[in-house]
Amino acid sequence: MKAFLLAAGMGSRLKPITDTTPKCLVEIGGHPMLDWWAKLFIEAGVSEVLINTHYLHEKVHEYIREYNATHRELQWVEVYEERLLGSGGTVRDNWTFVEGEKDFLICYADNLTDMDLGKMIRFHQSHPGELTMGLFHTGVPKQCGIAALDEEGRICEFVEKPENPKSNLANAGVYVARASIRELLKEQEILDFGKDVLPQLIGRMYGYPIEAYFIDIGTMENYRKAREDWKYDYYKDTFSR
């Protein structure tokens, strides 16, 4: 299993922290975010991760160099984007990375979670849809991409920041995709998954509600909350809140 980890964002809402530290390397529980993602990937049987970089890419490059030199279970492949391509554009322009793969993960690096990615992968493999979207319960559905599910768990509606939300199940930015999505990755300057790709998959993708801890650390308020919540002992592999 391979994975894309999207990490090239500027992190402007986390300034001044991100003046010197890229968002994917801010610390939670004494470890950079990429450590937590590496742990999840290894537990799920992922062996190789393509990470896109842009802002403060030199620091991410150094992390990857040191990680790859000292770990064997997981290896990072870095792709520097001189100009941002959008979440869908990164997958499209690096399609050779997953050439020959039946399924693969696409994840956003600014999410903090202890979810079981392996369980989500198994759910994906149990249904005929082209993509599985991780979903979390949000208290502010008007600020998120919101999915409505039918009785079989298929996503029958997906709307970005709806005025009248039909549920509180929000797009978590964690996907398991089949190779067939390649035909949906159009050639345009910036291709965004939420705006350009997912609407084409209505009725052809399934929702996976995440029952584990999940938070987007992209705002200062959420970052502070995550630091207060996250009491995970990395070395003893235990978690308590």
Protein backbone atom coordinates (compact mmCIF):
# COMPACT_ATOMS: atom_id res chain seq x y z
CA MET A 1 0.00 0.00 0.00
CA LYS A 2 1.21 3.49 -0.88
CA ALA A 3 0.02 6.90 0.28
CA PHE A 4 0.07 10.55 -0.71
CA LEU A 5 0.50 12.97 2.20
CA LEU A 6 -0.39 16.52 1.18
CA ALA A 7 1.81 18.92 3.13
CA ALA A 8 2.72 21.87 0.92
CA GLY A 9 0.40 24.49 2.44
CA MET A 10 1.60 27.82 3.82
CA GLY A 11 0.01 27.43 7.25
CA SER A 12 -0.87 31.15 7.34
CA ARG A 13 -3.49 30.67 10.10
CA LEU A 14 -0.79 29.31 12.43
CA LYS A 15 1.48 32.33 12.28
CA PRO A 16 3.81 33.20 13.97
CA ILE A 17 4.60 29.48 14.58
CA THR A 18 4.74 28.82 10.84
CA ASP A 19 7.06 31.76 10.23
CA THR A 20 9.89 29.33 10.95
CA THR A 21 8.25 25.88 11.06
CA PRO A 22 6.22 24.30 8.26
CA LYS A 23 2.77 23.17 9.41
CA CYS A 24 3.57 19.47 8.95
CA LEU A 25 6.43 19.77 11.44
CA VAL A 26 4.72 21.66 14.27
CA GLU A 27 4.93 19.65 17.48
CA ILE A 28 2.11 17.87 19.24
CA GLY A 29 2.94 15.72 22.25
CA GLY A 30 6.65 16.33 21.81
CA HIS A 31 6.76 15.05 18.22
CA PRO A 32 6.33 16.72 14.81
CA MET A 33 3.10 15.98 12.98
CA LEU A 34 4.96 13.85 10.45
CA ASP A 35 5.97 11.43 13.22
CA TRP A 36 2.32 10.80 14.02
CA TRP A 37 1.49 10.22 10.37
CA ALA A 38 4.45 7.87 9.99
CA LYS A 39 3.17 5.86 12.93
CA LEU A 40 -0.32 5.56 11.43
CA PHE A 41 1.05 4.55 8.04
CA ILE A 42 3.30 1.85 9.48
CA GLU A 43 0.44 0.40 11.53
CA ALA A 44 -1.69 0.25 8.36
CA GLY A 45 0.97 -1.54 6.33
CA VAL A 46 1.93 1.44 4.17
CA SER A 47 5.50 1.11 2.95
CA GLU A 48 6.01 4.27 0.89
CA VAL A 49 4.61 7.80 1.15
CA LEU A 50 4.89 10.61 -1.38
CA ILE A 51 4.88 13.99 0.37
CA ASN A 52 4.64 17.26 -1.53
CA THR A 53 6.56 20.27 -0.23
CA HIS A 54 6.63 23.97 -0.99
CA TYR A 55 6.78 26.42 1.94
CA LEU A 56 9.95 25.99 4.07
CA HIS A 57 10.60 22.84 2.08
CA GLU A 58 14.23 22.67 3.20
CA LYS A 59 13.12 21.78 6.74
CA VAL A 60 10.82 19.03 5.52
CA HIS A 61 13.63 17.75 3.30
CA GLU A 62 15.94 17.50 6.31
CA TYR A 63 13.30 15.60 8.32
CA ILE A 64 12.83 13.15 5.45
CA ARG A 65 16.57 12.68 4.98
CA GLU A 66 17.04 11.80 8.64
CA TYR A 67 13.93 9.60 8.79
CA ASN A 68 14.80 7.58 5.70
CA ALA A 69 18.34 7.07 6.96
CA THR A 70 17.19 5.55 10.26
CA HIS A 71 13.93 3.72 9.42
CA ARG A 72 13.17 0.77 7.18
CA GLU A 73 9.44 0.12 7.72
CA LEU A 74 8.46 3.31 5.87
CA GLN A 75 10.19 5.47 3.31
CA TRP A 76 9.29 9.01 2.28
CA VAL A 77 9.44 10.26 -1.32
CA GLU A 78 9.65 14.05 -1.49
CA VAL A 79 8.26 16.08 -4.39
CA TYR A 80 8.93 19.81 -4.31
CA GLU A 81 6.28 22.01 -5.94
CA GLU A 82 7.68 25.32 -7.14
CA ARG A 83 4.06 26.42 -7.56
CA LEU A 84 1.19 24.81 -5.69
CA LEU A 85 -0.82 22.37 -7.80
CA GLY A 86 -3.78 21.82 -5.48
CA SER A 87 -4.59 18.54 -3.74
CA GLY A 88 -5.82 16.88 -6.93
CA GLY A 89 -3.01 18.35 -9.01
CA THR A 90 -0.37 16.76 -6.80
CA VAL A 91 -1.93 13.32 -7.23
CA ARG A 92 -2.37 13.84 -10.99
CA ASP A 93 1.17 15.05 -11.66
CA ASN A 94 2.71 12.24 -9.59
CA TRP A 95 0.49 9.44 -10.84
CA THR A 96 3.49 7.25 -11.69
CA PHE A 97 4.04 6.87 -7.93
CA VAL A 98 0.91 4.69 -7.68
CA GLU A 99 1.08 3.17 -11.16
CA GLY A 100 0.03 -0.47 -10.84
CA GLU A 101 -1.56 0.00 -7.41
CA LYS A 102 -5.20 -1.06 -7.07
CA ASP A 103 -5.86 1.16 -4.02
CA PHE A 104 -3.93 3.93 -2.29
CA LEU A 105 -4.34 6.54 0.45
CA ILE A 106 -4.57 10.31 0.09
CA CYS A 107 -4.24 12.21 3.39
CA TYR A 108 -3.92 15.84 4.51
CA ALA A 109 -0.93 16.37 6.79
CA ASP A 110 -2.56 18.98 9.04
CA ASN A 111 -4.98 16.48 10.58
CA LEU A 112 -4.16 14.90 13.95
CA THR A 113 -5.80 11.54 14.60
CA ASP A 114 -5.22 8.12 16.15
CA MET A 115 -7.62 6.42 13.73
CA ASP A 116 -7.00 2.91 12.42
CA LEU A 117 -6.16 3.46 8.75
CA GLY A 118 -6.01 -0.29 8.22
CA LYS A 119 -9.64 -0.63 9.27
CA MET A 120 -10.62 2.11 6.83
CA ILE A 121 -8.69 0.37 4.04
CA ARG A 122 -10.52 -2.89 4.75
CA PHE A 123 -13.87 -1.07 4.66
CA HIS A 124 -12.91 0.43 1.30
CA GLN A 125 -12.04 -2.99 -0.09
CA SER A 126 -15.44 -4.33 1.00
CA HIS A 127 -17.52 -2.04 -1.25
CA PRO A 128 -17.59 -1.33 -5.01
CA GLY A 129 -17.09 2.45 -4.80
CA GLU A 130 -14.17 4.26 -6.40
CA LEU A 131 -13.27 6.21 -3.26
CA THR A 132 -13.84 6.11 0.49
CA MET A 133 -13.99 9.45 2.29
CA GLY A 134 -13.14 9.63 5.98
CA LEU A 135 -15.79 11.66 7.82
CA PHE A 136 -15.79 13.31 11.23
CA HIS A 137 -18.58 14.86 13.27
CA THR A 138 -18.31 18.64 13.22
CA GLY A 139 -20.04 21.28 15.31
CA VAL A 140 -19.73 23.85 12.50
CA PRO A 141 -21.06 22.12 9.35
CA LYS A 142 -21.47 25.41 7.49
CA GLN A 143 -17.67 25.76 7.51
CA CYS A 144 -16.89 22.30 6.11
CA GLY A 145 -17.46 20.02 3.16
CA ILE A 146 -20.52 18.05 4.28
CA ALA A 147 -21.57 14.57 3.11
CA ALA A 148 -24.98 12.97 3.24
CA LEU A 149 -25.09 9.15 3.21
CA ASP A 150 -27.74 6.75 1.97
CA GLU A 151 -28.72 3.59 3.86
CA GLU A 152 -25.79 1.67 2.35
CA GLY A 153 -23.20 4.25 3.38
CA ARG A 154 -22.85 5.63 -0.15
CA ILE A 155 -22.32 9.39 -0.38
CA CYS A 156 -25.41 10.72 -2.15
CA GLU A 157 -24.60 14.40 -1.65
CA PHE A 158 -21.45 16.42 -0.94
CA VAL A 159 -21.50 20.19 -0.58
CA GLU A 160 -18.68 22.55 0.41
CA LYS A 161 -19.78 24.94 3.19
CA PRO A 162 -23.54 24.42 2.71
CA GLU A 163 -26.05 27.01 3.83
CA ASN A 164 -28.45 24.25 4.90
CA PRO A 165 -26.34 21.23 5.95
CA LYS A 166 -28.05 17.85 5.69
CA SER A 167 -25.72 16.26 8.23
CA ASN A 168 -22.75 17.08 10.48
CA LEU A 169 -20.47 14.56 8.75
CA ALA A 170 -17.53 16.55 7.41
CA ASN A 171 -14.81 15.63 4.96
CA ALA A 172 -11.76 14.63 7.02
CA GLY A 173 -9.24 14.85 4.19
CA VAL A 174 -8.46 11.12 4.52
CA TYR A 175 -9.29 9.07 1.43
CA VAL A 176 -8.74 5.58 0.11
CA ALA A 177 -8.96 5.67 -3.68
CA ARG A 178 -9.00 3.19 -6.54
CA ALA A 179 -6.87 3.65 -9.63
CA SER A 180 -10.01 4.42 -11.65
CA ILE A 181 -10.07 7.99 -10.26
CA ARG A 182 -7.24 8.83 -12.66
CA GLU A 183 -9.79 9.72 -15.35
CA LEU A 184 -11.26 12.40 -13.06
CA LEU A 185 -7.98 14.28 -12.54
CA LYS A 186 -8.37 16.93 -15.22
CA GLU A 187 -5.59 18.98 -16.72
CA GLN A 188 -6.02 22.40 -15.16
CA GLU A 189 -3.57 24.71 -13.42
CA ILE A 190 -4.88 24.10 -9.89
CA LEU A 191 -6.96 20.97 -9.25
CA ASP A 192 -8.66 20.71 -5.88
CA PHE A 193 -10.12 17.45 -4.55
CA GLY A 194 -13.00 19.06 -2.68
CA LYS A 195 -14.12 21.38 -5.47
CA ASP A 196 -13.11 19.58 -8.65
CA VAL A 197 -12.87 15.83 -8.01
CA LEU A 198 -15.29 14.78 -5.27
CA PRO A 199 -18.41 16.27 -6.93
CA GLN A 200 -17.78 13.90 -9.85
CA LEU A 201 -17.92 10.93 -7.46
CA ILE A 202 -21.38 11.49 -5.98
CA GLY A 203 -23.04 8.08 -5.86
CA ARG A 204 -19.72 6.39 -6.61
CA MET A 205 -17.98 6.86 -3.24
CA TYR A 206 -18.68 5.74 0.32
CA GLY A 207 -18.37 7.50 3.66
CA TYR A 208 -16.35 6.16 6.58
CA PRO A 209 -17.27 7.86 9.89
CA ILE A 210 -14.16 8.24 12.04
CA GLU A 211 -14.90 7.37 15.65
CA ALA A 212 -11.33 8.00 16.84
CA TYR A 213 -9.79 11.32 17.92
CA PHE A 214 -9.65 13.73 14.98
CA ILE A 215 -8.84 17.43 14.69
CA ASP A 216 -7.50 19.76 12.01
CA ILE A 217 -4.63 21.63 13.67
CA GLY A 218 -4.63 24.33 10.96
CA THR A 219 -5.96 27.11 13.19
CA MET A 220 -4.40 28.48 16.36
CA GLU A 221 -7.51 27.57 18.35
CA ASN A 222 -7.43 23.93 17.19
CA TYR A 223 -3.66 23.72 17.59
CA ARG A 224 -3.92 24.78 21.24
CA LYS A 225 -6.78 22.34 21.80
CA ALA A 226 -4.81 19.48 20.24
CA ARG A 227 -1.82 20.20 22.46
CA GLU A 228 -4.08 20.07 25.51
CA ASP A 229 -5.88 16.90 24.36
CA TRP A 230 -3.01 14.84 23.05
CA LYS A 231 -1.58 12.74 25.87
CA TYR A 232 -0.14 9.96 23.76
CA ASP A 233 3.00 8.12 24.90
CA TYR A 234 4.75 7.53 21.58
CA TYR A 235 7.14 4.97 22.96
CA LYS A 236 4.71 2.98 25.11
CA ASP A 237 2.04 3.13 22.39
CA THR A 238 -0.70 4.22 24.77
CA PHE A 239 -3.17 7.07 24.60
CA SER A 240 -5.33 8.73 27.22
CA ARG A 241 -7.52 11.83 27.37
